[in-house]
Structures are given as C-alpha cells and as structure tokens.
Amino acid sequence: MKDLSRRAVTIAIAASAIVGAGIAATTAKASTDYARSAGGLTVYLGVLPAEIVGGHPPAHPERRMHGGPPAGPHRYHLIASIFEMATGERISDAAVTGKVSGLGLSGPETTFEPMPLADTTTYGAFIYLPGADLYTILLSVRRPGATKPVLLEFKYDHRRE
C-alpha cells in the first residue's frame, strides 16, 4: 500500500505538471512517450489511478468529474492536454475520443470530457486496464469545422505497475 501511495503521489505530481504548467507546445517533435504531435496539434497524455481522482469528493456532488470514478480495481483516469503547435495555445473547443487496446486486442471507444482547471481546459475519461500489458492509446481530436480528426497514438507500458 505504501508503494501505491508513493507511486500515486509521483503520478499526481507529474500529471499536475502536464495539466497545470504552461507547457511549451511549440516544439515540432515530442520527446517522451506521453507527448505526440500531429496535424498541427501537440497532445500531452497523463495516466493516473482512478482512486487519486475519486479520493476527494467535490464540494458539489452533482459536479463529480465524468460522473465519478467507476467501482472496482484496475480503473484509471486519462488526461489529455491539447495545444496548437504553431502558437502553443491550449485547445478548449475539441471533441476528443480515445480507444485503449492491449496487445492483439481492440478496446472500446471512450469519450473524453472537457475538464476546466485554473482557467484552462484539459480532457479526461476513466478507463479500465485489466492487467499487465503494453497498451496502445489512440486519441482522436476533432476541432470545430475540421473535415477529419487528428489521430495520435501513445504507448503505455502497464507491465511495470
């Protein structure tokens, strides 16, 4: 349990840095497995245990993020911060969906909800990661007026968890 708490704090700090800090999104190439650029966008992805997000009840229960975390083990929360590559401006008007798949499997599509945070917008969704696996996370980002979405593929190594 102590390892989970230590890991949870580390993940929460990293996610806060991704979500809250003014990330310079003007670089053309991403340098980590949790950042990708395509179609004029740069997306930073965070993966957190759902209990971190769900551990603190909101002041207004009717405003629970995404309806609250799902019950049961192996639940996680994905966070996507989206920026325009050319300007570094945060995107707050996109429709975002994601598909999380293990090796050789295809997962269900999940809609990411906008999450206002400190005068910015990120997108998030709860997901289920049933076991130790190398997961592919495919995000689809559609801006208003766009003819097709921007697709970004991330790898998430859950074998070390």
Protein backbone atom coordinates (compact mmCIF):
# COMPACT_ATOMS: atom_id res chain seq x y z
CA MET A 1 0.00 0.00 0.00
CA LYS A 2 2.87 2.34 0.80
CA ASP A 3 4.28 1.76 -2.70
CA LEU A 4 0.88 2.57 -4.23
CA SER A 5 0.70 5.80 -2.25
CA ARG A 6 4.24 6.82 -3.20
CA ARG A 7 3.59 5.95 -6.85
CA ALA A 8 0.24 7.77 -6.77
CA VAL A 9 1.85 10.94 -5.43
CA THR A 10 4.56 10.77 -8.09
CA ILE A 11 1.97 10.29 -10.84
CA ALA A 12 -0.19 13.10 -9.46
CA ILE A 13 2.76 15.50 -9.42
CA ALA A 14 3.67 14.57 -13.00
CA ALA A 15 0.08 14.97 -14.17
CA SER A 16 -0.18 18.33 -12.43
CA ALA A 17 2.91 19.46 -14.27
CA ILE A 18 1.39 18.36 -17.58
CA VAL A 19 -2.02 19.85 -16.92
CA GLY A 20 -1.29 22.95 -14.88
CA ALA A 21 2.06 24.22 -16.04
CA GLY A 22 2.45 26.27 -19.18
CA ILE A 23 3.91 23.51 -21.31
CA ALA A 24 5.81 24.77 -24.29
CA ALA A 25 3.92 23.07 -27.08
CA THR A 26 5.80 24.76 -29.87
CA THR A 27 8.38 22.00 -30.34
CA ALA A 28 7.88 20.00 -33.52
CA LYS A 29 8.78 16.60 -32.06
CA ALA A 30 7.72 15.14 -28.75
CA SER A 31 10.47 13.80 -26.50
CA THR A 32 8.54 11.35 -24.32
CA ASP A 33 6.06 8.51 -24.71
CA TYR A 34 3.40 10.80 -23.26
CA ALA A 35 3.60 13.57 -25.84
CA ARG A 36 2.74 13.40 -29.52
CA SER A 37 2.39 15.91 -32.34
CA ALA A 38 0.32 15.55 -35.50
CA GLY A 39 -1.96 17.65 -37.67
CA GLY A 40 -0.78 20.93 -36.13
CA LEU A 41 -1.52 19.75 -32.58
CA THR A 42 0.63 18.61 -29.68
CA VAL A 43 -1.04 16.40 -27.08
CA TYR A 44 0.32 15.54 -23.64
CA LEU A 45 -1.19 12.46 -22.02
CA GLY A 46 -1.34 11.54 -18.33
CA VAL A 47 -2.42 8.22 -16.79
CA LEU A 48 -3.49 8.24 -13.12
CA PRO A 49 -5.02 5.61 -10.84
CA ALA A 50 -8.75 6.43 -10.56
CA GLU A 51 -8.57 6.46 -6.76
CA ILE A 52 -6.41 9.60 -6.92
CA VAL A 53 -9.12 11.43 -8.82
CA GLY A 54 -12.01 9.89 -6.90
CA GLY A 55 -10.46 10.06 -3.45
CA HIS A 56 -11.66 13.58 -2.73
CA PRO A 57 -15.39 14.24 -3.00
CA PRO A 58 -16.17 17.53 -4.75
CA ALA A 59 -17.82 20.42 -2.93
CA HIS A 60 -20.81 19.92 -5.23
CA PRO A 61 -21.53 16.17 -5.72
CA GLU A 62 -23.58 16.89 -8.84
CA ARG A 63 -20.35 18.11 -10.46
CA ARG A 64 -18.41 14.86 -9.99
CA MET A 65 -15.86 14.51 -12.75
CA HIS A 66 -17.20 12.22 -15.51
CA GLY A 67 -19.91 11.01 -13.11
CA GLY A 68 -17.31 9.82 -10.60
CA PRO A 69 -14.75 7.04 -10.86
CA PRO A 70 -16.04 3.58 -11.71
CA ALA A 71 -16.05 0.97 -8.95
CA GLY A 72 -13.59 -1.88 -8.86
CA PRO A 73 -9.89 -2.46 -9.37
CA HIS A 74 -7.80 -1.62 -12.43
CA ARG A 75 -9.54 1.72 -13.05
CA TYR A 76 -7.50 4.64 -14.34
CA HIS A 77 -8.06 8.23 -15.42
CA LEU A 78 -6.61 9.54 -18.68
CA ILE A 79 -5.90 13.24 -19.04
CA ALA A 80 -5.14 14.90 -22.38
CA SER A 81 -3.81 18.45 -22.66
CA ILE A 82 -4.03 19.71 -26.24
CA PHE A 83 -2.10 22.61 -27.78
CA GLU A 84 -1.69 24.22 -31.19
CA MET A 85 1.86 23.51 -32.34
CA ALA A 86 2.35 26.84 -34.11
CA THR A 87 1.23 29.12 -31.26
CA GLY A 88 1.41 26.97 -28.12
CA GLU A 89 -2.19 27.98 -27.32
CA ARG A 90 -4.28 25.47 -25.42
CA ILE A 91 -7.20 23.93 -27.32
CA SER A 92 -10.51 24.11 -25.46
CA ASP A 93 -13.06 23.51 -28.23
CA ALA A 94 -12.26 19.96 -29.39
CA ALA A 95 -14.24 16.74 -29.35
CA VAL A 96 -11.89 14.05 -28.02
CA THR A 97 -12.34 10.30 -28.02
CA GLY A 98 -9.91 7.53 -27.16
CA LYS A 99 -9.52 3.82 -27.64
CA VAL A 100 -7.29 1.84 -25.25
CA SER A 101 -6.20 -1.56 -26.53
CA GLY A 102 -3.95 -4.26 -25.14
CA LEU A 103 -1.64 -6.31 -27.36
CA GLY A 104 -3.71 -8.04 -30.00
CA LEU A 105 -6.99 -6.64 -28.68
CA SER A 106 -9.19 -3.71 -29.61
CA GLY A 107 -10.72 -1.72 -26.78
CA PRO A 108 -13.95 0.26 -26.67
CA GLU A 109 -14.09 3.90 -27.71
CA THR A 110 -14.40 6.35 -24.82
CA THR A 111 -15.49 9.99 -24.97
CA PHE A 112 -13.19 12.39 -23.14
CA GLU A 113 -14.98 15.18 -21.32
CA PRO A 114 -13.67 18.76 -21.08
CA MET A 115 -12.25 19.46 -17.62
CA PRO A 116 -11.91 23.16 -16.71
CA LEU A 117 -8.87 23.67 -14.49
CA ALA A 118 -7.39 27.01 -13.41
CA ASP A 119 -8.70 28.93 -16.45
CA THR A 120 -7.57 26.16 -18.84
CA THR A 121 -9.25 23.13 -20.34
CA THR A 122 -7.98 19.57 -20.42
CA TYR A 123 -9.89 16.45 -21.43
CA GLY A 124 -10.36 13.32 -19.37
CA ALA A 125 -12.00 9.92 -19.12
CA PHE A 126 -11.96 6.90 -16.84
CA ILE A 127 -10.69 3.65 -18.38
CA TYR A 128 -10.17 0.02 -17.38
CA LEU A 129 -6.71 -1.58 -17.64
CA PRO A 130 -7.30 -5.22 -16.67
CA GLY A 131 -3.72 -6.38 -16.35
CA ALA A 132 -0.04 -6.06 -17.01
CA ASP A 133 0.21 -5.28 -20.72
CA LEU A 134 1.63 -2.86 -23.26
CA TYR A 135 -1.39 -0.72 -24.17
CA THR A 136 -1.95 1.41 -27.24
CA ILE A 137 -3.94 4.58 -26.60
CA LEU A 138 -5.35 6.08 -29.78
CA LEU A 139 -6.74 9.59 -29.34
CA SER A 140 -8.97 11.28 -31.89
CA VAL A 141 -9.16 15.08 -31.68
CA ARG A 142 -11.74 16.86 -33.82
CA ARG A 143 -11.83 20.65 -33.93
CA PRO A 144 -14.99 22.53 -34.98
CA GLY A 145 -15.06 22.90 -38.75
CA ALA A 146 -12.40 20.23 -39.35
CA THR A 147 -13.12 17.73 -42.11
CA LYS A 148 -11.43 14.89 -40.25
CA PRO A 149 -9.97 14.32 -36.79
CA VAL A 150 -6.30 14.33 -35.86
CA LEU A 151 -5.23 10.86 -34.66
CA LEU A 152 -2.42 10.45 -32.13
CA GLU A 153 -1.11 7.11 -30.89
CA PHE A 154 0.53 6.63 -27.50
CA LYS A 155 2.08 3.55 -25.91
CA TYR A 156 1.50 2.91 -22.22
CA ASP A 157 3.59 0.20 -20.54
CA HIS A 158 1.46 -1.14 -17.72
CA ARG A 159 3.68 -4.18 -17.19
CA ARG A 160 5.71 -2.35 -14.54
CA GLU A 161 2.70 -1.40 -12.44
